[in-house]
């Protein structure tokens, strides 16, 4: 039974780590897309001014 408890704790810990990594990737992707859109918008504004 002790092995089962250790296994359960390890699975729980790894699932939390997996969710944190997944959240990091999703947030990073969203921020990257937002920055790309903002840069394109700034470039468009500069080209209109010239």
C-alpha atoms as a PDB file:
ATOM      1  CA  UNK A   1       0.000   0.000   0.000  1.00  0.00           C
ATOM      2  CA  UNK A   2       2.944   2.351   0.620  1.00  0.00           C
ATOM      3  CA  UNK A   3       3.994   2.051  -3.021  1.00  0.00           C
ATOM      4  CA  UNK A   4       0.511   3.046  -4.110  1.00  0.00           C
ATOM      5  CA  UNK A   5       0.614   6.217  -1.978  1.00  0.00           C
ATOM      6  CA  UNK A   6       4.027   7.180  -3.380  1.00  0.00           C
ATOM      7  CA  UNK A   7       2.757   6.517  -6.890  1.00  0.00           C
ATOM      8  CA  UNK A   8      -0.326   8.627  -6.259  1.00  0.00           C
ATOM      9  CA  UNK A   9       1.774  11.506  -4.929  1.00  0.00           C
ATOM     10  CA  UNK A  10       4.131  11.322  -7.901  1.00  0.00           C
ATOM     11  CA  UNK A  11       1.246  11.298 -10.382  1.00  0.00           C
ATOM     12  CA  UNK A  12      -0.361  14.266  -8.665  1.00  0.00           C
ATOM     13  CA  UNK A  13       2.898  16.215  -8.653  1.00  0.00           C
ATOM     14  CA  UNK A  14       3.572  15.454 -12.307  1.00  0.00           C
ATOM     15  CA  UNK A  15       0.039  16.434 -13.295  1.00  0.00           C
ATOM     16  CA  UNK A  16       0.454  19.809 -11.565  1.00  0.00           C
ATOM     17  CA  UNK A  17       3.798  20.364 -13.298  1.00  0.00           C
ATOM     18  CA  UNK A  18       2.243  19.379 -16.642  1.00  0.00           C
ATOM     19  CA  UNK A  19      -0.601  21.863 -16.171  1.00  0.00           C
ATOM     20  CA  UNK A  20       1.840  24.633 -15.262  1.00  0.00           C
ATOM     21  CA  UNK A  21       3.926  23.974 -18.381  1.00  0.00           C
ATOM     22  CA  UNK A  22       0.808  23.872 -20.528  1.00  0.00           C
ATOM     23  CA  UNK A  23      -0.443  27.155 -19.047  1.00  0.00           C
ATOM     24  CA  UNK A  24       2.974  28.736 -19.661  1.00  0.00           C
ATOM     25  CA  UNK A  25       2.886  27.692 -23.320  1.00  0.00           C
ATOM     26  CA  UNK A  26      -0.664  28.918 -23.875  1.00  0.00           C
ATOM     27  CA  UNK A  27      -0.044  32.289 -22.237  1.00  0.00           C
ATOM     28  CA  UNK A  28       3.209  32.688 -24.146  1.00  0.00           C
ATOM     29  CA  UNK A  29       1.482  31.935 -27.429  1.00  0.00           C
ATOM     30  CA  UNK A  30      -1.301  34.421 -26.717  1.00  0.00           C
ATOM     31  CA  UNK A  31       1.179  37.147 -25.784  1.00  0.00           C
ATOM     32  CA  UNK A  32       3.217  36.453 -28.900  1.00  0.00           C
ATOM     33  CA  UNK A  33       0.166  36.752 -31.140  1.00  0.00           C
ATOM     34  CA  UNK A  34      -0.863  39.962 -29.396  1.00  0.00           C
ATOM     35  CA  UNK A  35       2.611  41.441 -29.917  1.00  0.00           C
ATOM     36  CA  UNK A  36       2.594  40.469 -33.599  1.00  0.00           C
ATOM     37  CA  UNK A  37      -0.770  42.176 -34.135  1.00  0.00           C
ATOM     38  CA  UNK A  38       0.381  45.276 -32.283  1.00  0.00           C
ATOM     39  CA  UNK A  39       3.606  45.459 -34.293  1.00  0.00           C
ATOM     40  CA  UNK A  40       1.681  45.117 -37.549  1.00  0.00           C
ATOM     41  CA  UNK A  41      -0.683  47.866 -36.443  1.00  0.00           C
ATOM     42  CA  UNK A  42       2.223  50.168 -35.552  1.00  0.00           C
ATOM     43  CA  UNK A  43       3.883  49.452 -38.906  1.00  0.00           C
ATOM     44  CA  UNK A  44       0.635  50.267 -40.701  1.00  0.00           C
ATOM     45  CA  UNK A  45       0.306  53.567 -38.807  1.00  0.00           C
ATOM     46  CA  UNK A  46       3.892  54.514 -39.686  1.00  0.00           C
ATOM     47  CA  UNK A  47       3.374  53.745 -43.367  1.00  0.00           C
ATOM     48  CA  UNK A  48       0.261  55.955 -43.448  1.00  0.00           C
ATOM     49  CA  UNK A  49       2.114  58.849 -41.825  1.00  0.00           C
ATOM     50  CA  UNK A  50       4.966  58.744 -44.361  1.00  0.00           C
END
